[in-house]
PDB file of all heavy atoms in Angstrom:
ATOM      1  N   VAL A   1     -54.430 -40.763-156.234  1.00  0.00           N
ATOM      2  CA  VAL A   1     -54.062 -39.809-157.254  1.00  0.00           C
ATOM      3  C   VAL A   1     -52.570 -39.788-157.510  1.00  0.00           C
ATOM      4  O   VAL A   1     -52.123 -39.856-158.679  1.00  0.00           O
ATOM      5  CB  VAL A   1     -54.530 -38.380-156.892  1.00  0.00           C
ATOM      6  CG1 VAL A   1     -54.109 -37.341-157.929  1.00  0.00           C
ATOM      7  CG2 VAL A   1     -56.117 -38.305-156.780  1.00  0.00           C
ATOM      8  N   ALA A   2     -51.763 -39.891-156.444  1.00  0.00           N
ATOM      9  CA  ALA A   2     -50.283 -39.875-156.673  1.00  0.00           C
ATOM     10  C   ALA A   2     -49.891 -41.127-157.446  1.00  0.00           C
ATOM     11  O   ALA A   2     -48.951 -41.126-158.220  1.00  0.00           O
ATOM     12  CB  ALA A   2     -49.652 -39.813-155.295  1.00  0.00           C
ATOM     13  N   ALA A   3     -50.446 -42.282-157.008  1.00  0.00           N
ATOM     14  CA  ALA A   3     -50.125 -43.487-157.770  1.00  0.00           C
ATOM     15  C   ALA A   3     -50.459 -43.457-159.209  1.00  0.00           C
ATOM     16  O   ALA A   3     -49.645 -43.913-160.022  1.00  0.00           O
ATOM     17  CB  ALA A   3     -50.867 -44.670-157.056  1.00  0.00           C
ATOM     18  N   VAL A   4     -51.657 -42.883-159.501  1.00  0.00           N
ATOM     19  CA  VAL A   4     -51.986 -42.776-160.925  1.00  0.00           C
ATOM     20  C   VAL A   4     -50.963 -41.980-161.737  1.00  0.00           C
ATOM     21  O   VAL A   4     -50.603 -42.307-162.833  1.00  0.00           O
ATOM     22  CB  VAL A   4     -53.407 -42.238-161.049  1.00  0.00           C
ATOM     23  CG1 VAL A   4     -53.768 -41.941-162.461  1.00  0.00           C
ATOM     24  CG2 VAL A   4     -54.480 -43.286-160.487  1.00  0.00           C
ATOM     25  N   VAL A   5     -50.595 -40.797-161.160  1.00  0.00           N
ATOM     26  CA  VAL A   5     -49.667 -39.944-161.804  1.00  0.00           C
ATOM     27  C   VAL A   5     -48.351 -40.610-161.996  1.00  0.00           C
ATOM     28  O   VAL A   5     -47.681 -40.651-163.010  1.00  0.00           O
ATOM     29  CB  VAL A   5     -49.500 -38.574-161.041  1.00  0.00           C
ATOM     30  CG1 VAL A   5     -48.431 -37.730-161.685  1.00  0.00           C
ATOM     31  CG2 VAL A   5     -50.820 -37.826-160.961  1.00  0.00           C
ATOM     32  N   PHE A   6     -47.882 -41.332-160.896  1.00  0.00           N
ATOM     33  CA  PHE A   6     -46.583 -41.968-160.959  1.00  0.00           C
ATOM     34  C   PHE A   6     -46.525 -43.070-161.951  1.00  0.00           C
ATOM     35  O   PHE A   6     -45.711 -43.209-162.838  1.00  0.00           O
ATOM     36  CB  PHE A   6     -46.244 -42.522-159.596  1.00  0.00           C
ATOM     37  CG  PHE A   6     -44.942 -43.362-159.554  1.00  0.00           C
ATOM     38  CD1 PHE A   6     -43.773 -42.816-159.522  1.00  0.00           C
ATOM     39  CD2 PHE A   6     -45.089 -44.773-159.609  1.00  0.00           C
ATOM     40  CE1 PHE A   6     -42.593 -43.503-159.475  1.00  0.00           C
ATOM     41  CE2 PHE A   6     -43.866 -45.584-159.526  1.00  0.00           C
ATOM     42  CZ  PHE A   6     -42.685 -44.965-159.521  1.00  0.00           C
ATOM     43  N   MET A   7     -47.607 -43.890-162.081  1.00  0.00           N
ATOM     44  CA  MET A   7     -47.605 -45.106-163.013  1.00  0.00           C
ATOM     45  C   MET A   7     -47.776 -44.590-164.387  1.00  0.00           C
ATOM     46  O   MET A   7     -47.301 -45.268-165.314  1.00  0.00           O
ATOM     47  CB  MET A   7     -48.709 -46.035-162.538  1.00  0.00           C
ATOM     48  CG  MET A   7     -48.437 -46.687-161.236  1.00  0.00           C
ATOM     49  SD  MET A   7     -46.879 -47.743-161.210  1.00  0.00           S
ATOM     50  CE  MET A   7     -47.392 -49.078-162.356  1.00  0.00           C
ATOM     51  N   ASN A   8     -48.441 -43.498-164.610  1.00  0.00           N
ATOM     52  CA  ASN A   8     -48.614 -42.884-165.980  1.00  0.00           C
ATOM     53  C   ASN A   8     -47.316 -42.496-166.544  1.00  0.00           C
ATOM     54  O   ASN A   8     -47.117 -42.483-167.750  1.00  0.00           O
ATOM     55  CB  ASN A   8     -49.676 -41.877-165.984  1.00  0.00           C
ATOM     56  CG  ASN A   8     -51.106 -42.414-166.245  1.00  0.00           C
ATOM     57  OD1 ASN A   8     -51.448 -42.673-167.444  1.00  0.00           O
ATOM     58  ND2 ASN A   8     -51.873 -42.624-165.245  1.00  0.00           N
ATOM     59  N   GLU A   9     -46.464 -41.961-165.670  1.00  0.00           N
ATOM     60  CA  GLU A   9     -45.238 -41.396-166.050  1.00  0.00           C
ATOM     61  C   GLU A   9     -44.083 -42.394-166.024  1.00  0.00           C
ATOM     62  O   GLU A   9     -43.006 -42.156-166.545  1.00  0.00           O
ATOM     63  CB  GLU A   9     -44.793 -40.179-165.184  1.00  0.00           C
ATOM     64  CG  GLU A   9     -45.857 -39.047-165.189  1.00  0.00           C
ATOM     65  CD  GLU A   9     -45.894 -38.510-166.679  1.00  0.00           C
ATOM     66  OE1 GLU A   9     -44.867 -38.131-167.209  1.00  0.00           O
ATOM     67  OE2 GLU A   9     -47.062 -38.321-167.230  1.00  0.00           O
ATOM     68  N   ALA A  10     -44.193 -43.546-165.352  1.00  0.00           N
ATOM     69  CA  ALA A  10     -43.159 -44.540-165.172  1.00  0.00           C
ATOM     70  C   ALA A  10     -42.805 -45.188-166.434  1.00  0.00           C
ATOM     71  O   ALA A  10     -43.731 -45.462-167.358  1.00  0.00           O
ATOM     72  CB  ALA A  10     -43.492 -45.587-164.142  1.00  0.00           C
ATOM     73  N   SER A  11     -41.572 -45.553-166.716  1.00  0.00           N
ATOM     74  CA  SER A  11     -41.129 -46.209-167.887  1.00  0.00           C
ATOM     75  C   SER A  11     -39.863 -47.003-167.668  1.00  0.00           C
ATOM     76  O   SER A  11     -39.133 -46.698-166.628  1.00  0.00           O
ATOM     77  CB  SER A  11     -40.945 -45.213-169.078  1.00  0.00           C
ATOM     78  OG  SER A  11     -39.889 -44.286-168.770  1.00  0.00           O
ATOM     79  N   ARG A  12     -39.609 -47.992-168.438  1.00  0.00           N
ATOM     80  CA  ARG A  12     -38.345 -48.776-168.409  1.00  0.00           C
ATOM     81  C   ARG A  12     -37.536 -48.394-169.687  1.00  0.00           C
ATOM     82  O   ARG A  12     -37.958 -48.580-170.780  1.00  0.00           O
ATOM     83  CB  ARG A  12     -38.656 -50.306-168.493  1.00  0.00           C
ATOM     84  CG  ARG A  12     -37.473 -51.209-168.790  1.00  0.00           C
ATOM     85  CD  ARG A  12     -36.567 -51.312-167.548  1.00  0.00           C
ATOM     86  NE  ARG A  12     -35.376 -52.154-167.823  1.00  0.00           N
ATOM     87  CZ  ARG A  12     -35.356 -53.456-167.837  1.00  0.00           C
ATOM     88  NH1 ARG A  12     -36.378 -54.177-167.445  1.00  0.00           N
ATOM     89  NH2 ARG A  12     -34.266 -54.154-168.121  1.00  0.00           N
ATOM     90  N   ASN A  13     -36.315 -47.814-169.373  1.00  0.00           N
ATOM     91  CA  ASN A  13     -35.446 -47.360-170.479  1.00  0.00           C
ATOM     92  C   ASN A  13     -34.563 -48.494-170.888  1.00  0.00           C
ATOM     93  O   ASN A  13     -33.787 -48.991-170.135  1.00  0.00           O
ATOM     94  CB  ASN A  13     -34.676 -46.161-169.968  1.00  0.00           C
ATOM     95  CG  ASN A  13     -35.577 -44.956-169.716  1.00  0.00           C
ATOM     96  OD1 ASN A  13     -36.649 -44.718-170.277  1.00  0.00           O
ATOM     97  ND2 ASN A  13     -35.085 -44.070-168.776  1.00  0.00           N
ATOM     98  N   ILE A  14     -34.634 -48.827-172.190  1.00  0.00           N
ATOM     99  CA  ILE A  14     -33.748 -49.835-172.835  1.00  0.00           C
ATOM    100  C   ILE A  14     -32.638 -49.037-173.538  1.00  0.00           C
ATOM    101  O   ILE A  14     -32.878 -48.244-174.489  1.00  0.00           O
ATOM    102  CB  ILE A  14     -34.505 -50.673-173.842  1.00  0.00           C
ATOM    103  CG1 ILE A  14     -35.785 -51.237-173.186  1.00  0.00           C
ATOM    104  CG2 ILE A  14     -33.621 -51.693-174.532  1.00  0.00           C
ATOM    105  CD1 ILE A  14     -35.442 -52.214-172.123  1.00  0.00           C
ATOM    106  N   PRO A  15     -31.337 -49.325-173.152  1.00  0.00           N
ATOM    107  CA  PRO A  15     -30.183 -48.545-173.867  1.00  0.00           C
ATOM    108  C   PRO A  15     -30.084 -49.071-175.300  1.00  0.00           C
ATOM    109  O   PRO A  15     -30.237 -50.217-175.653  1.00  0.00           O
ATOM    110  CB  PRO A  15     -28.984 -49.025-173.021  1.00  0.00           C
ATOM    111  CG  PRO A  15     -29.393 -50.362-172.380  1.00  0.00           C
ATOM    112  CD  PRO A  15     -30.855 -50.192-172.105  1.00  0.00           C
ATOM    113  N   VAL A  16     -29.850 -48.119-176.144  1.00  0.00           N
ATOM    114  CA  VAL A  16     -29.627 -48.360-177.554  1.00  0.00           C
ATOM    115  C   VAL A  16     -28.329 -47.638-178.002  1.00  0.00           C
ATOM    116  O   VAL A  16     -28.177 -46.421-177.777  1.00  0.00           O
ATOM    117  CB  VAL A  16     -30.803 -47.791-178.412  1.00  0.00           C
ATOM    118  CG1 VAL A  16     -30.561 -48.075-179.912  1.00  0.00           C
ATOM    119  CG2 VAL A  16     -32.112 -48.507-178.035  1.00  0.00           C
ATOM    120  N   GLN A  17     -27.483 -48.349-178.562  1.00  0.00           N
ATOM    121  CA  GLN A  17     -26.167 -47.808-179.088  1.00  0.00           C
ATOM    122  C   GLN A  17     -26.216 -47.683-180.681  1.00  0.00           C
ATOM    123  O   GLN A  17     -26.575 -48.766-181.373  1.00  0.00           O
ATOM    124  CB  GLN A  17     -25.059 -48.676-178.653  1.00  0.00           C
ATOM    125  CG  GLN A  17     -23.652 -48.189-179.084  1.00  0.00           C
ATOM    126  CD  GLN A  17     -23.228 -46.981-178.316  1.00  0.00           C
ATOM    127  OE1 GLN A  17     -23.468 -46.849-177.144  1.00  0.00           O
ATOM    128  NE2 GLN A  17     -22.567 -46.048-179.070  1.00  0.00           N
ATOM    129  N   TYR A  18     -25.835 -46.568-181.168  1.00  0.00           N
ATOM    130  CA  TYR A  18     -25.800 -46.464-182.623  1.00  0.00           C
ATOM    131  C   TYR A  18     -24.302 -46.518-183.104  1.00  0.00           C
ATOM    132  O   TYR A  18     -23.433 -45.838-182.566  1.00  0.00           O
ATOM    133  CB  TYR A  18     -26.425 -45.233-183.113  1.00  0.00           C
ATOM    134  CG  TYR A  18     -27.880 -45.259-182.978  1.00  0.00           C
ATOM    135  CD1 TYR A  18     -28.633 -44.838-181.890  1.00  0.00           C
ATOM    136  CD2 TYR A  18     -28.700 -45.737-184.054  1.00  0.00           C
ATOM    137  CE1 TYR A  18     -30.001 -44.927-181.784  1.00  0.00           C
ATOM    138  CE2 TYR A  18     -30.084 -45.823-183.981  1.00  0.00           C
ATOM    139  CZ  TYR A  18     -30.728 -45.397-182.801  1.00  0.00           C
ATOM    140  OH  TYR A  18     -32.106 -45.425-182.709  1.00  0.00           O
ATOM    141  N   ALA A  19     -23.993 -47.384-184.075  1.00  0.00           N
ATOM    142  CA  ALA A  19     -22.670 -47.553-184.583  1.00  0.00           C
ATOM    143  C   ALA A  19     -22.259 -46.318-185.369  1.00  0.00           C
ATOM    144  O   ALA A  19     -23.084 -45.596-186.014  1.00  0.00           O
ATOM    145  CB  ALA A  19     -22.606 -48.791-185.499  1.00  0.00           C
ATOM    146  N   ARG A  20     -20.932 -46.069-185.343  1.00  0.00           N
ATOM    147  CA  ARG A  20     -20.437 -44.910-186.093  1.00  0.00           C
ATOM    148  C   ARG A  20     -20.255 -45.291-187.615  1.00  0.00           C
ATOM    149  O   ARG A  20     -19.722 -46.293-187.968  1.00  0.00           O
ATOM    150  CB  ARG A  20     -19.090 -44.563-185.488  1.00  0.00           C
ATOM    151  CG  ARG A  20     -18.443 -43.285-186.160  1.00  0.00           C
ATOM    152  CD  ARG A  20     -17.126 -42.865-185.404  1.00  0.00           C
ATOM    153  NE  ARG A  20     -17.468 -42.523-184.083  1.00  0.00           N
ATOM    154  CZ  ARG A  20     -16.517 -42.163-183.255  1.00  0.00           C
ATOM    155  NH1 ARG A  20     -15.260 -42.143-183.526  1.00  0.00           N
ATOM    156  NH2 ARG A  20     -16.919 -41.822-181.940  1.00  0.00           N
ATOM    157  N   ARG A  21     -20.824 -44.457-188.468  1.00  0.00           N
ATOM    158  CA  ARG A  21     -20.676 -44.704-189.876  1.00  0.00           C
ATOM    159  C   ARG A  21     -20.061 -43.438-190.601  1.00  0.00           C
ATOM    160  O   ARG A  21     -20.309 -42.274-190.079  1.00  0.00           O
ATOM    161  CB  ARG A  21     -22.129 -44.917-190.504  1.00  0.00           C
ATOM    162  CG  ARG A  21     -22.733 -46.215-190.028  1.00  0.00           C
ATOM    163  CD  ARG A  21     -24.178 -46.370-190.496  1.00  0.00           C
ATOM    164  NE  ARG A  21     -24.970 -45.280-189.869  1.00  0.00           N
ATOM    165  CZ  ARG A  21     -26.190 -45.045-190.314  1.00  0.00           C
ATOM    166  NH1 ARG A  21     -26.810 -45.826-191.236  1.00  0.00           N
ATOM    167  NH2 ARG A  21     -26.952 -44.079-189.686  1.00  0.00           N
ATOM    168  N   ILE A  22     -19.376 -43.681-191.617  1.00  0.00           N
ATOM    169  CA  ILE A  22     -18.779 -42.557-192.402  1.00  0.00           C
ATOM    170  C   ILE A  22     -19.312 -42.556-193.807  1.00  0.00           C
ATOM    171  O   ILE A  22     -19.163 -43.649-194.554  1.00  0.00           O
ATOM    172  CB  ILE A  22     -17.152 -42.674-192.429  1.00  0.00           C
ATOM    173  CG1 ILE A  22     -16.696 -42.719-190.985  1.00  0.00           C
ATOM    174  CG2 ILE A  22     -16.641 -41.618-193.229  1.00  0.00           C
ATOM    175  CD1 ILE A  22     -15.149 -42.945-190.868  1.00  0.00           C
ATOM    176  N   ARG A  23     -19.903 -41.409-194.185  1.00  0.00           N
ATOM    177  CA  ARG A  23     -20.513 -41.272-195.538  1.00  0.00           C
ATOM    178  C   ARG A  23     -20.061 -39.919-195.998  1.00  0.00           C
ATOM    179  O   ARG A  23     -20.285 -38.873-195.428  1.00  0.00           O
ATOM    180  CB  ARG A  23     -22.017 -41.456-195.549  1.00  0.00           C
ATOM    181  CG  ARG A  23     -22.580 -42.790-195.238  1.00  0.00           C
ATOM    182  CD  ARG A  23     -24.066 -42.847-195.317  1.00  0.00           C
ATOM    183  NE  ARG A  23     -24.577 -44.125-195.051  1.00  0.00           N
ATOM    184  CZ  ARG A  23     -25.844 -44.454-194.975  1.00  0.00           C
ATOM    185  NH1 ARG A  23     -26.805 -43.418-195.207  1.00  0.00           N
ATOM    186  NH2 ARG A  23     -26.255 -45.678-194.681  1.00  0.00           N
ATOM    187  N   ALA A  24     -19.372 -40.000-197.328  1.00  0.00           N
ATOM    188  CA  ALA A  24     -19.015 -38.800-197.985  1.00  0.00           C
ATOM    189  C   ALA A  24     -18.101 -37.955-197.028  1.00  0.00           C
ATOM    190  O   ALA A  24     -18.142 -36.693-197.027  1.00  0.00           O
ATOM    191  CB  ALA A  24     -20.209 -37.917-198.462  1.00  0.00           C
ATOM    192  N   GLY A  25     -17.269 -38.669-196.273  1.00  0.00           N
ATOM    193  CA  GLY A  25     -16.237 -37.951-195.424  1.00  0.00           C
ATOM    194  C   GLY A  25     -16.934 -37.426-194.117  1.00  0.00           C
ATOM    195  O   GLY A  25     -16.083 -36.753-193.350  1.00  0.00           O
TER     196      GLY A  25
END
């Protein structure tokens, strides 16, 4: 049961960076 809960919640996080943009000041 513990393994099922753990694996269902497990994830690999991929970092994503958003560039800074300027629109209408």
